[in-house]
Amino acid sequence: MKKISILLMALALPFALLAFDFAKPSEPSGKVVLSDYSEAKQLYQVKLVEVNGENVPVRAHAVWLKPGQYVLTLSAQIGKMAKSNLSIKARSGLDNRENKLTLNVEADKTYYLAYDARPEKHEDWKPIVYKVE
């Protein structure tokens, strides 16, 4: 069992070294919240896929970024109710769409992200910052 643990750590180490360098909450940073959303308002959860073109490990709730400008690639987690109103072609197109958001992060601010499915045309659906505190 100990050998397996050592082997797994050795295999994971190169990936950990290549991962995007997120800030720590104790450092000057802005918090980006990914899981605060409202399906009733047609604002859906997003999943962070890339930061500035670098793949990132899955983050469930939030990330902290150092002050600066970032291009975030996000994956929409569209609810069943919204998808049920779309054609099959439109539903498959949602998964293939490039969902990028440029975000200027300031220290000590919290940015709430969501996927905005309010526009009538689904081609206009996109990730947004819907609240800043």
C-alpha atoms as a PDB file:
ATOM      1  CA  MET A   1       0.000   0.000   0.000  1.00  0.00           C
ATOM      2  CA  LYS A   2       2.851   2.361   0.833  1.00  0.00           C
ATOM      3  CA  LYS A   3       4.462   1.699  -2.555  1.00  0.00           C
ATOM      4  CA  ILE A   4       1.231   2.543  -4.348  1.00  0.00           C
ATOM      5  CA  SER A   5       0.942   5.835  -2.448  1.00  0.00           C
ATOM      6  CA  ILE A   6       4.513   6.780  -3.335  1.00  0.00           C
ATOM      7  CA  LEU A   7       3.921   5.850  -6.976  1.00  0.00           C
ATOM      8  CA  LEU A   8       0.742   7.958  -7.150  1.00  0.00           C
ATOM      9  CA  MET A   9       2.511  10.965  -5.614  1.00  0.00           C
ATOM     10  CA  ALA A  10       5.391  10.585  -8.070  1.00  0.00           C
ATOM     11  CA  LEU A  11       2.955  10.480 -11.004  1.00  0.00           C
ATOM     12  CA  ALA A  12       0.982  13.494  -9.755  1.00  0.00           C
ATOM     13  CA  LEU A  13       4.011  15.688  -8.999  1.00  0.00           C
ATOM     14  CA  PRO A  14       4.722  16.793 -12.596  1.00  0.00           C
ATOM     15  CA  PHE A  15       1.089  17.801 -13.059  1.00  0.00           C
ATOM     16  CA  ALA A  16       1.068  19.739  -9.802  1.00  0.00           C
ATOM     17  CA  LEU A  17       4.140  21.676 -10.890  1.00  0.00           C
ATOM     18  CA  LEU A  18       2.502  22.594 -14.208  1.00  0.00           C
ATOM     19  CA  ALA A  19      -0.805  23.704 -12.676  1.00  0.00           C
ATOM     20  CA  PHE A  20      -1.874  27.332 -12.825  1.00  0.00           C
ATOM     21  CA  ASP A  21      -0.583  29.340  -9.871  1.00  0.00           C
ATOM     22  CA  PHE A  22      -3.719  30.438  -8.013  1.00  0.00           C
ATOM     23  CA  ALA A  23      -3.348  32.973  -5.222  1.00  0.00           C
ATOM     24  CA  LYS A  24      -3.964  32.022  -1.620  1.00  0.00           C
ATOM     25  CA  PRO A  25      -6.841  33.734   0.217  1.00  0.00           C
ATOM     26  CA  SER A  26      -4.304  35.321   2.574  1.00  0.00           C
ATOM     27  CA  GLU A  27      -2.445  37.011  -0.327  1.00  0.00           C
ATOM     28  CA  PRO A  28      -3.620  40.204  -2.067  1.00  0.00           C
ATOM     29  CA  SER A  29      -6.205  38.635  -4.344  1.00  0.00           C
ATOM     30  CA  GLY A  30      -9.731  38.690  -5.690  1.00  0.00           C
ATOM     31  CA  LYS A  31     -12.158  35.851  -5.081  1.00  0.00           C
ATOM     32  CA  VAL A  32     -13.977  34.381  -8.093  1.00  0.00           C
ATOM     33  CA  VAL A  33     -17.124  32.475  -7.093  1.00  0.00           C
ATOM     34  CA  LEU A  34     -18.258  29.810  -9.556  1.00  0.00           C
ATOM     35  CA  SER A  35     -21.176  28.141  -7.780  1.00  0.00           C
ATOM     36  CA  ASP A  36     -23.484  30.947  -6.642  1.00  0.00           C
ATOM     37  CA  TYR A  37     -26.227  31.012  -9.258  1.00  0.00           C
ATOM     38  CA  SER A  38     -29.997  31.198  -9.710  1.00  0.00           C
ATOM     39  CA  GLU A  39     -31.751  28.891 -12.154  1.00  0.00           C
ATOM     40  CA  ALA A  40     -34.975  30.803 -11.464  1.00  0.00           C
ATOM     41  CA  LYS A  41     -33.292  33.887 -12.979  1.00  0.00           C
ATOM     42  CA  GLN A  42     -31.758  31.760 -15.767  1.00  0.00           C
ATOM     43  CA  LEU A  43     -28.242  32.270 -14.410  1.00  0.00           C
ATOM     44  CA  TYR A  44     -26.485  28.908 -14.376  1.00  0.00           C
ATOM     45  CA  GLN A  45     -23.382  27.533 -12.708  1.00  0.00           C
ATOM     46  CA  VAL A  46     -20.063  27.650 -14.533  1.00  0.00           C
ATOM     47  CA  LYS A  47     -17.044  25.413 -14.260  1.00  0.00           C
ATOM     48  CA  LEU A  48     -13.560  26.884 -14.689  1.00  0.00           C
ATOM     49  CA  VAL A  49     -11.643  25.086 -17.449  1.00  0.00           C
ATOM     50  CA  GLU A  50      -8.690  27.382 -18.262  1.00  0.00           C
ATOM     51  CA  VAL A  51      -7.045  30.545 -16.998  1.00  0.00           C
ATOM     52  CA  ASN A  52      -5.089  32.451 -19.675  1.00  0.00           C
ATOM     53  CA  GLY A  53      -5.043  29.343 -21.855  1.00  0.00           C
ATOM     54  CA  GLU A  54      -3.705  27.042 -19.122  1.00  0.00           C
ATOM     55  CA  ASN A  55      -5.841  24.077 -18.084  1.00  0.00           C
ATOM     56  CA  VAL A  56      -6.725  24.111 -14.407  1.00  0.00           C
ATOM     57  CA  PRO A  57      -7.759  21.392 -11.982  1.00  0.00           C
ATOM     58  CA  VAL A  58     -11.488  21.288 -11.278  1.00  0.00           C
ATOM     59  CA  ARG A  59     -12.549  23.806  -8.635  1.00  0.00           C
ATOM     60  CA  ALA A  60     -15.902  23.289  -6.954  1.00  0.00           C
ATOM     61  CA  HIS A  61     -16.779  26.655  -5.480  1.00  0.00           C
ATOM     62  CA  ALA A  62     -14.233  29.471  -5.809  1.00  0.00           C
ATOM     63  CA  VAL A  63     -10.700  30.456  -6.781  1.00  0.00           C
ATOM     64  CA  TRP A  64      -8.476  33.344  -5.748  1.00  0.00           C
ATOM     65  CA  LEU A  65      -6.561  35.248  -8.415  1.00  0.00           C
ATOM     66  CA  LYS A  66      -3.824  37.813  -8.004  1.00  0.00           C
ATOM     67  CA  PRO A  67      -4.786  41.311  -9.195  1.00  0.00           C
ATOM     68  CA  GLY A  68      -4.590  41.604 -12.966  1.00  0.00           C
ATOM     69  CA  GLN A  69      -6.414  40.785 -16.182  1.00  0.00           C
ATOM     70  CA  TYR A  70      -7.374  37.195 -16.959  1.00  0.00           C
ATOM     71  CA  VAL A  71      -9.083  35.347 -19.775  1.00  0.00           C
ATOM     72  CA  LEU A  72     -11.192  32.606 -18.211  1.00  0.00           C
ATOM     73  CA  THR A  73     -12.547  29.694 -20.217  1.00  0.00           C
ATOM     74  CA  LEU A  74     -15.733  28.465 -18.605  1.00  0.00           C
ATOM     75  CA  SER A  75     -18.045  25.531 -19.145  1.00  0.00           C
ATOM     76  CA  ALA A  76     -21.763  26.159 -18.687  1.00  0.00           C
ATOM     77  CA  GLN A  77     -23.731  23.854 -16.429  1.00  0.00           C
ATOM     78  CA  ILE A  78     -27.117  24.503 -18.056  1.00  0.00           C
ATOM     79  CA  GLY A  79     -30.150  23.168 -16.215  1.00  0.00           C
ATOM     80  CA  LYS A  80     -32.564  20.636 -17.697  1.00  0.00           C
ATOM     81  CA  MET A  81     -35.399  23.150 -17.846  1.00  0.00           C
ATOM     82  CA  ALA A  82     -33.419  25.560 -20.044  1.00  0.00           C
ATOM     83  CA  LYS A  83     -32.148  22.738 -22.259  1.00  0.00           C
ATOM     84  CA  SER A  84     -35.664  21.378 -22.744  1.00  0.00           C
ATOM     85  CA  ASN A  85     -36.590  24.580 -24.613  1.00  0.00           C
ATOM     86  CA  LEU A  86     -33.797  24.108 -27.154  1.00  0.00           C
ATOM     87  CA  SER A  87     -33.607  22.017 -30.293  1.00  0.00           C
ATOM     88  CA  ILE A  88     -31.283  19.021 -30.348  1.00  0.00           C
ATOM     89  CA  LYS A  89     -28.860  20.941 -32.582  1.00  0.00           C
ATOM     90  CA  ALA A  90     -28.837  23.931 -30.207  1.00  0.00           C
ATOM     91  CA  ARG A  91     -28.278  21.672 -27.173  1.00  0.00           C
ATOM     92  CA  SER A  92     -25.258  19.998 -28.741  1.00  0.00           C
ATOM     93  CA  GLY A  93     -23.909  23.387 -29.797  1.00  0.00           C
ATOM     94  CA  LEU A  94     -23.849  24.612 -26.184  1.00  0.00           C
ATOM     95  CA  ASP A  95     -21.210  22.053 -25.271  1.00  0.00           C
ATOM     96  CA  ASN A  96     -18.984  22.988 -28.206  1.00  0.00           C
ATOM     97  CA  ARG A  97     -19.198  26.753 -27.746  1.00  0.00           C
ATOM     98  CA  GLU A  98     -16.121  28.684 -26.700  1.00  0.00           C
ATOM     99  CA  ASN A  99     -17.049  30.379 -23.443  1.00  0.00           C
ATOM    100  CA  LYS A 100     -14.440  32.973 -22.627  1.00  0.00           C
ATOM    101  CA  LEU A 101     -14.720  35.844 -20.188  1.00  0.00           C
ATOM    102  CA  THR A 102     -12.140  38.588 -19.679  1.00  0.00           C
ATOM    103  CA  LEU A 103     -11.959  39.574 -16.022  1.00  0.00           C
ATOM    104  CA  ASN A 104     -10.009  42.419 -14.424  1.00  0.00           C
ATOM    105  CA  VAL A 105      -9.362  41.271 -10.872  1.00  0.00           C
ATOM    106  CA  GLU A 106      -8.805  43.740  -8.046  1.00  0.00           C
ATOM    107  CA  ALA A 107      -7.606  42.777  -4.575  1.00  0.00           C
ATOM    108  CA  ASP A 108     -10.236  42.348  -1.855  1.00  0.00           C
ATOM    109  CA  LYS A 109     -13.160  42.064  -4.286  1.00  0.00           C
ATOM    110  CA  THR A 110     -15.434  39.090  -4.895  1.00  0.00           C
ATOM    111  CA  TYR A 111     -16.679  38.344  -8.407  1.00  0.00           C
ATOM    112  CA  TYR A 112     -19.736  36.144  -8.911  1.00  0.00           C
ATOM    113  CA  LEU A 113     -19.828  34.385 -12.274  1.00  0.00           C
ATOM    114  CA  ALA A 114     -22.751  32.679 -13.980  1.00  0.00           C
ATOM    115  CA  TYR A 115     -23.830  31.542 -17.404  1.00  0.00           C
ATOM    116  CA  ASP A 116     -26.516  33.943 -18.601  1.00  0.00           C
ATOM    117  CA  ALA A 117     -29.324  32.128 -20.437  1.00  0.00           C
ATOM    118  CA  ARG A 118     -31.761  35.070 -20.303  1.00  0.00           C
ATOM    119  CA  PRO A 119     -31.423  36.315 -23.907  1.00  0.00           C
ATOM    120  CA  GLU A 120     -34.116  34.950 -26.204  1.00  0.00           C
ATOM    121  CA  LYS A 121     -31.592  33.756 -28.806  1.00  0.00           C
ATOM    122  CA  HIS A 122     -29.438  30.974 -27.374  1.00  0.00           C
ATOM    123  CA  GLU A 123     -26.532  32.183 -29.541  1.00  0.00           C
ATOM    124  CA  ASP A 124     -26.383  35.200 -27.213  1.00  0.00           C
ATOM    125  CA  TRP A 125     -26.020  33.117 -24.055  1.00  0.00           C
ATOM    126  CA  LYS A 126     -22.634  33.690 -22.421  1.00  0.00           C
ATOM    127  CA  PRO A 127     -20.747  33.736 -19.127  1.00  0.00           C
ATOM    128  CA  ILE A 128     -21.045  36.982 -17.182  1.00  0.00           C
ATOM    129  CA  VAL A 129     -20.006  38.638 -13.947  1.00  0.00           C
ATOM    130  CA  TYR A 130     -23.404  39.247 -12.406  1.00  0.00           C
ATOM    131  CA  LYS A 131     -22.307  40.689  -9.081  1.00  0.00           C
ATOM    132  CA  VAL A 132     -19.171  42.299  -7.576  1.00  0.00           C
ATOM    133  CA  GLU A 133     -18.726  42.921  -3.865  1.00  0.00           C
END
